[in-house]
Each structure stands twice: as C-alpha cells, then as structure tokens.
Protein backbone atom coordinates (compact mmCIF):
# COMPACT_ATOMS: atom_id res chain seq x y z
CA MET A 1 57.14 35.18 35.90
CA ASN A 2 55.53 33.65 32.77
CA LEU A 3 51.83 32.65 33.17
CA ALA A 4 51.12 29.33 31.64
CA PRO A 5 47.80 29.22 29.51
CA HIS A 6 45.00 27.20 31.15
CA VAL A 7 44.57 23.60 29.98
CA PHE A 8 40.69 24.05 29.50
CA THR A 9 38.22 26.83 28.68
CA LEU A 10 34.99 28.13 30.33
CA ARG A 11 32.97 26.93 27.52
CA GLN A 12 34.29 23.45 27.95
CA LEU A 13 33.20 23.52 31.51
CA GLN A 14 29.64 24.82 30.38
CA TYR A 15 29.61 21.62 28.35
CA ALA A 16 30.56 19.43 31.34
CA VAL A 17 27.94 21.12 33.62
CA ALA A 18 25.24 20.79 30.72
CA VAL A 19 25.91 17.07 30.45
CA ALA A 20 25.79 16.53 34.24
CA ASP A 21 22.37 18.67 34.25
CA THR A 22 20.70 16.86 31.76
CA LEU A 23 22.56 13.33 31.76
CA SER A 24 22.40 13.45 27.88
CA PHE A 25 25.12 14.53 25.31
CA HIS A 26 22.30 15.19 22.99
CA ARG A 27 20.10 17.44 25.40
CA ALA A 28 23.11 19.01 26.51
CA ALA A 29 24.30 19.92 22.95
CA THR A 30 20.82 21.50 22.19
CA ARG A 31 20.97 23.69 25.47
CA CYS A 32 24.51 24.88 24.86
CA GLY A 33 23.53 25.56 21.04
CA VAL A 34 26.08 23.44 19.60
CA SER A 35 26.12 20.02 17.71
CA GLN A 36 26.60 16.82 19.63
CA PRO A 37 29.85 15.86 17.79
CA SER A 38 31.51 19.30 18.62
CA LEU A 39 30.23 19.17 22.24
CA SER A 40 31.71 15.44 22.62
CA ALA A 41 34.95 16.49 21.20
CA GLN A 42 35.51 19.31 23.48
CA LEU A 43 34.44 17.03 26.44
CA ALA A 44 37.03 14.51 25.27
CA GLN A 45 39.57 17.33 25.16
CA LEU A 46 38.74 18.44 28.58
CA GLU A 47 39.21 14.95 30.13
CA ASP A 48 42.49 14.68 28.54
CA ALA A 49 43.52 18.01 29.95
CA LEU A 50 42.49 16.87 33.28
CA ARG A 51 43.41 13.33 32.91
CA VAL A 52 40.32 12.53 34.58
CA LYS A 53 37.33 10.67 33.16
CA LEU A 54 34.36 12.96 33.89
CA PHE A 55 31.43 10.72 32.74
CA GLU A 56 30.49 7.06 32.23
CA ARG A 57 28.67 6.56 29.06
CA ASP A 58 26.90 3.74 27.01
CA ARG A 59 24.06 3.56 24.56
CA ARG A 60 21.28 4.13 27.38
CA ARG A 61 22.68 6.50 29.81
CA VAL A 62 25.45 9.10 30.99
CA LEU A 63 26.49 9.23 34.70
CA PRO A 64 29.11 11.35 36.20
CA THR A 65 32.23 9.45 37.67
CA ALA A 66 32.79 9.76 41.37
CA ALA A 67 35.81 12.14 40.48
CA GLY A 68 33.88 13.84 37.59
CA ALA A 69 31.06 14.72 40.21
CA GLN A 70 33.48 16.47 42.51
CA LEU A 71 35.31 18.33 39.69
CA ILE A 72 31.97 19.33 38.08
CA GLN A 73 31.00 20.92 41.44
CA ARG A 74 34.07 22.94 41.22
CA ALA A 75 33.27 23.83 37.61
CA ARG A 76 29.93 25.26 38.61
CA ARG A 77 31.58 27.43 41.02
CA LEU A 78 33.91 28.68 38.56
CA LEU A 79 31.25 29.41 36.14
CA VAL A 80 29.36 31.54 38.76
CA GLU A 81 32.55 33.58 39.39
CA ALA A 82 32.99 34.26 35.67
CA ASP A 83 29.62 35.36 35.54
CA ASP A 84 29.91 37.78 38.60
CA LEU A 85 33.24 39.21 36.88
CA ILE A 86 31.14 39.97 33.75
CA GLU A 87 28.17 41.48 35.87
CA GLU A 88 30.52 43.59 37.77
CA ALA A 89 32.39 44.95 34.75
CA ARG A 90 28.90 45.62 33.19
CA ARG A 91 27.58 47.45 36.07
CA VAL A 92 30.88 49.67 37.01
CA GLY A 93 29.01 52.58 35.37
CA ASP A 94 25.70 52.21 36.98
CA PRO A 95 24.97 49.02 39.20
CA LEU A 96 21.26 49.56 39.21
CA ALA A 97 20.98 49.83 35.47
CA GLY A 98 19.76 46.60 33.49
CA THR A 99 18.04 43.67 34.73
CA LEU A 100 18.24 41.94 38.21
CA ARG A 101 16.78 38.57 38.79
CA ILE A 102 15.29 38.29 42.38
CA GLY A 103 13.60 35.23 43.73
CA VAL A 104 10.68 35.52 46.23
CA ILE A 105 8.62 33.24 48.21
CA PRO A 106 4.87 32.49 47.55
CA THR A 107 3.79 33.60 50.81
CA ILE A 108 5.39 37.09 50.12
CA SER A 109 5.08 37.79 46.49
CA PRO A 110 1.48 38.56 46.18
CA TYR A 111 1.21 40.73 49.24
CA LEU A 112 4.51 42.69 48.89
CA LEU A 113 5.13 42.87 45.04
CA PRO A 114 2.40 45.07 44.24
CA HIS A 115 3.97 47.71 46.97
CA LEU A 116 7.62 47.19 45.67
CA THR A 117 7.03 47.35 41.98
CA PRO A 118 5.94 50.88 41.59
CA ALA A 119 8.09 52.09 44.35
CA LEU A 120 11.19 50.50 42.79
CA ARG A 121 10.45 51.48 39.29
CA GLN A 122 10.29 55.22 40.63
CA ARG A 123 13.42 55.12 42.71
CA PHE A 124 15.53 53.26 39.94
CA PRO A 125 13.84 54.25 36.70
CA ARG A 126 17.00 52.49 34.67
CA LEU A 127 16.29 48.94 36.46
CA THR A 128 14.37 46.04 35.27
CA THR A 129 13.55 43.52 38.07
CA ARG A 130 12.69 40.13 37.06
CA TRP A 131 10.76 38.28 39.75
CA ILE A 132 10.94 34.51 40.13
CA GLU A 133 8.54 32.93 42.50
CA ASP A 134 9.48 29.62 44.20
CA LYS A 135 9.97 27.76 47.54
CA THR A 136 13.02 28.72 50.02
CA ASP A 137 15.07 25.58 49.09
CA ALA A 138 14.67 26.14 45.25
CA LEU A 139 15.59 29.68 45.47
CA ILE A 140 18.77 29.00 47.50
CA GLU A 141 19.99 26.53 45.09
CA ARG A 142 19.39 28.86 42.25
CA LEU A 143 21.16 31.69 44.06
CA ALA A 144 24.10 29.20 44.35
CA ALA A 145 24.12 28.41 40.94
CA GLY A 146 24.08 31.93 39.70
CA GLU A 147 20.65 31.69 38.34
CA LEU A 148 19.31 34.48 40.53
CA ASP A 149 21.06 37.58 41.66
CA ALA A 150 19.19 38.00 45.17
CA ALA A 151 15.77 36.65 46.98
CA LEU A 152 13.33 37.78 49.19
CA LEU A 153 13.04 34.99 52.10
CA ALA A 154 12.19 34.47 55.81
CA LEU A 155 15.60 34.43 57.57
CA GLU A 156 13.88 31.99 59.94
CA ALA A 157 14.41 29.34 57.38
CA ASP A 158 17.99 27.69 56.77
CA VAL A 159 19.20 30.01 54.14
CA GLY A 160 22.81 29.20 54.83
CA PRO A 161 26.03 31.55 54.45
CA LEU A 162 24.21 34.31 52.45
CA ASP A 163 24.38 37.95 53.03
CA HIS A 164 21.16 39.98 53.69
CA GLU A 165 19.51 43.18 54.61
CA VAL A 166 16.33 43.03 56.89
CA ILE A 167 13.39 44.52 55.21
CA ALA A 168 10.76 43.94 57.90
CA SER A 169 9.51 41.95 60.87
CA ASP A 170 6.42 40.30 59.94
CA PRO A 171 4.36 39.24 62.98
CA PHE A 172 2.04 36.29 62.95
CA LEU A 173 -1.76 36.74 63.85
CA LEU A 174 -4.53 34.49 65.03
CA VAL A 175 -7.36 34.19 62.70
CA THR A 176 -10.47 32.35 63.39
CA PRO A 177 -13.97 32.24 61.61
CA PRO A 178 -16.62 34.47 63.28
CA GLY A 179 -18.18 33.02 66.12
CA HIS A 180 -15.07 31.30 67.27
CA PRO A 181 -14.20 31.63 71.08
CA LEU A 182 -10.79 32.61 70.45
CA GLY A 183 -11.61 35.32 67.96
CA ALA A 184 -14.02 36.79 70.62
CA GLY A 185 -11.05 37.31 73.22
CA ARG A 186 -10.29 40.79 74.20
CA GLY A 187 -6.70 41.89 74.11
CA PRO A 188 -3.59 39.98 72.63
CA ALA A 189 -3.72 36.16 72.69
CA SER A 190 -1.24 34.11 74.53
CA PRO A 191 0.30 30.81 73.55
CA GLY A 192 -1.61 29.04 76.36
CA ASP A 193 -5.00 30.07 74.45
CA LEU A 194 -4.11 27.72 71.93
CA ALA A 195 -3.66 24.29 73.92
CA GLY A 196 -5.62 21.73 72.71
CA THR A 197 -6.88 23.56 69.62
CA SER A 198 -6.85 22.15 66.06
CA MET A 199 -4.77 24.40 63.66
CA LEU A 200 -4.67 24.60 59.80
CA LEU A 201 -1.37 24.82 58.45
CA LEU A 202 0.47 24.97 55.08
CA ASP A 203 1.87 21.97 53.32
CA ASP A 204 5.50 20.85 53.29
CA GLY A 205 8.13 22.79 51.68
CA HIS A 206 6.83 26.16 52.76
CA CYS A 207 9.03 27.73 55.39
CA LEU A 208 5.92 29.37 56.68
CA ARG A 209 4.64 26.09 57.86
CA ASP A 210 7.99 25.38 59.74
CA GLN A 211 7.89 28.52 61.69
CA ALA A 212 3.81 28.04 62.46
CA LEU A 213 4.29 24.38 63.36
CA SER A 214 7.29 25.52 65.74
CA PHE A 215 4.86 28.02 67.50
CA CYS A 216 2.24 25.16 67.67
CA GLU A 217 4.26 22.90 69.47
CA ARG A 218 5.38 25.30 71.90
CA SER A 219 1.50 26.13 72.50
CA ASP A 220 0.32 22.43 72.83
CA ALA A 221 -1.93 22.88 69.69
CA ARG A 222 -2.48 20.10 67.22
CA GLU A 223 -2.13 20.21 63.54
CA MET A 224 -5.17 19.24 61.41
CA GLU A 225 -4.69 16.35 58.88
CA PHE A 226 -5.60 18.88 56.06
CA ARG A 227 -2.76 20.66 54.65
CA ALA A 228 -3.25 23.85 52.32
CA THR A 229 -1.05 24.49 49.33
CA SER A 230 -1.45 28.32 49.69
CA LEU A 231 -2.43 31.03 52.09
CA PRO A 232 -5.60 31.64 49.99
CA THR A 233 -6.83 28.12 50.31
CA LEU A 234 -5.89 28.28 54.02
CA THR A 235 -7.93 31.36 54.80
CA GLN A 236 -10.73 30.00 52.74
CA MET A 237 -10.71 26.94 54.85
CA VAL A 238 -11.20 28.96 58.16
CA ALA A 239 -13.91 30.90 56.42
CA ALA A 240 -15.67 27.70 56.12
CA GLY A 241 -15.40 26.97 59.71
CA ALA A 242 -12.94 24.07 59.11
CA GLY A 243 -10.52 25.49 61.83
CA ILE A 244 -8.24 28.22 62.98
CA THR A 245 -4.85 29.40 61.58
CA LEU A 246 -1.83 31.60 61.89
CA LEU A 247 -1.55 34.34 59.17
CA PRO A 248 1.28 36.72 58.57
CA GLU A 249 0.09 40.31 58.97
CA LEU A 250 1.56 41.13 55.49
CA ALA A 251 -1.26 38.94 54.07
CA LEU A 252 -4.02 40.21 56.41
CA ASP A 253 -5.57 42.89 53.83
CA ALA A 254 -5.78 40.32 50.95
CA GLU A 255 -6.65 37.17 52.70
CA ALA A 256 -8.50 37.67 56.08
CA ARG A 257 -10.58 40.93 55.58
CA PRO A 258 -12.72 39.54 52.47
CA TYR A 259 -13.91 36.85 54.48
CA GLY A 260 -14.88 38.81 57.59
CA LEU A 261 -12.50 36.54 59.70
CA ARG A 262 -11.72 37.59 63.37
CA VAL A 263 -8.03 38.49 64.01
CA ARG A 264 -6.09 38.91 67.18
CA ARG A 265 -2.64 39.65 67.92
CA PHE A 266 -0.36 37.76 70.23
CA ALA A 267 1.37 39.19 73.51
CA ASP A 268 5.07 39.78 73.24
CA PRO A 269 7.20 38.02 72.45
CA ALA A 270 4.90 37.53 69.46
CA PRO A 271 5.70 34.86 66.91
CA HIS A 272 6.82 36.45 63.52
CA ARG A 273 9.02 36.01 60.57
CA THR A 274 11.93 38.25 59.42
CA ILE A 275 11.62 39.43 55.76
CA ALA A 276 15.02 39.84 54.05
CA LEU A 277 16.84 40.47 50.83
CA VAL A 278 19.58 37.79 50.63
CA TRP A 279 22.45 37.36 48.10
CA ARG A 280 25.77 35.34 47.69
CA PRO A 281 28.51 36.44 49.82
CA ARG A 282 31.06 38.45 47.80
CA SER A 283 28.41 39.13 45.16
CA PRO A 284 29.59 42.05 43.04
CA LEU A 285 26.16 43.38 43.34
CA ALA A 286 26.16 43.62 46.95
CA ALA A 287 26.53 47.69 47.20
CA ALA A 288 23.47 47.85 44.90
CA LEU A 289 21.37 45.33 46.57
CA ARG A 290 21.91 47.29 49.85
CA GLN A 291 20.44 50.28 48.11
CA LEU A 292 17.53 48.06 46.60
CA ALA A 293 16.90 46.88 50.12
CA THR A 294 16.56 50.48 51.50
CA ALA A 295 14.04 51.54 49.20
CA MET A 296 12.16 47.97 49.80
CA ARG A 297 11.88 48.88 53.70
CA ALA A 298 10.75 52.21 52.67
CA ALA A 299 7.86 50.83 50.46
CA TYR A 300 6.89 48.12 53.00
CA PRO A 301 3.32 48.45 53.77
CA VAL A 302 2.19 49.87 57.15
CA HIS A 303 -0.91 47.90 58.59
CA ARG A 304 -3.43 49.37 61.02
CA PRO A 305 -3.51 47.92 64.55
CA THR A 306 -5.70 44.90 65.00
CA ARG A 307 -7.42 44.53 68.27
CA GLY A 308 -9.21 41.23 68.60
CA ARG A 309 -12.25 42.09 66.26
CA ARG A 310 -13.76 41.08 63.08
CA THR A 311 -12.33 42.29 60.10
CA ALA A 312 -14.53 44.35 58.07
CA ARG A 313 -15.79 42.95 54.47
CA ARG A 314 -15.07 44.80 51.44
C-alpha cells in the first residue's frame, strides 16, 4: 500500500500553536525564530491544506476560530507525541543520561530537594535534573504540554490521569506557639481537640491548603481570615502567637524547630499527604522515571518521633 504524504508539516503546527499562545503573528514569529511573512505564508498553506480557517485576524487582534481552537488542541497533542518520539530515540542508549525537567510544588521543594539532589547526582552521574517550582495546577498543565518530563506532587490533589510512583507519606502535625494549651497536651491529638479553634492556613492555589481545610472542616475548626503565601510565613505567624496550624512533617526541621514551636502528632488515622513522582501516560521515560522514584524513596529524610513537646531551638 502506498502512503500518501501528509498535507502539513510539524513546523506548520508549531506556528499555529505559537499564534494561539501569543495571539499575535509578530510575537509568534519571534518565538519560532522566523520572519513574520514566512510564518504567515506557512499558516496560509496549513489552512489551505486543512480547508479550515484557523484564525480570525484584523489590524487589532488575532483570535482562533471555533474550529481552529479544536484543531490546535489536536496539534498540541501531536507535537507532544513528536517530542516524545525524539526523546525516546535519544535515550535508547541510556535513558538516565542528559537532562530531565521535573516540576515540584513549593511546599515540597525547599524541604526535599536538598536531600534528593546529592543522592540523584551520586546514583545517576550522567543525569542533569532541572527543577521547576510552581503550584500543582500549573505543573499539570506544563506536563500535558510536554514542557515537563515529570513532577513531584501530592496525590490528594486532582492530578488527573497521570502515571505515578509514590515517594512517601507525609503526615500533618499540629503546630502551636509555646504556652498554647493544645501544644501542652500529652499523647497524640484528635480531631475533636481542634473543635472551635482558629487555624492559620495557606492561600488559595496551594493543594496543601485544600487538604488542611478539609481536615479542619471535619474537626469543626475555623479558618482565620489571614492566609499565608508560604509555609515560612505560616510558621512565623504561629511563632508570633497569631494562631495554630497544620504543618507537613517534611517541613518540620526547617520551619518549626527554629522558633521553638510545640508539635503534636495526630492519632490514627492521621491526616497526611502522599508525595509522588507523576508523569504523562505512555511517556517514553516511564521506566527511567520509575528508577528515579526508587532513588528518591531511598533519599527521603527520616524524621525523629515527635511527642507533644516543644521543639529545640537551634
């Protein structure tokens, strides 16, 4: 059977996606490293080949047509698959050589990467890891677009149909200022202990906020009006006596101990988040990423038990 040539090229699809992203032929041409007339001519050929008008354009603006928007989404998927094909071919000899682009959420990166980076460098000396920090929703979008190879996230967030390997279960701890009655209690705390209390939580967009808020609702605790933009801000507010909070154990050494805060574990079933390495289904890097996840599990820090006492100041 004779195979007819395709009526478009991958480069033409790249031009269409660039225009859809920038809503400008000039900016799209700059992004693609070509002249604007060349880009316009190639897009005209693509529209002729597909027999569909992809963009509405006048002197002031450029907008995808309804049909164009659907086709450009298909073009994005085709380009991701093409990139995966190139990546798979490049890594046939050694899938853990070269550069991996891995996203990581802000409530994990400063506490886990100092442990992972030297361990991965020792285990995979030919691998360069490029870490990209962002919130969960943004990382998932970049994964789908092929801008990332994998990401370190909490599985309790809505991560969609991604493949994954669990790295660790990270329990939430009750953190209070010195002198707070909840911090003085002996033994594990229970959800009922938080009834009627006011909790400091992270701002919108952090998956850790959603998990902590869900636990507070089950415990009849109230959220305070102040919302922190980061875990350091959260713990400094607790240290100032502004309230109490939930802190993932992974952040304990960096955030709670320097301020002499009191820390209590929760009775089982304790609230927690599940840290995992996730990637696109059918990624050509799946086998290599599973090896990477195994090394990450081995490098995950082990914390000392916390028994309802004040953490020592450094």
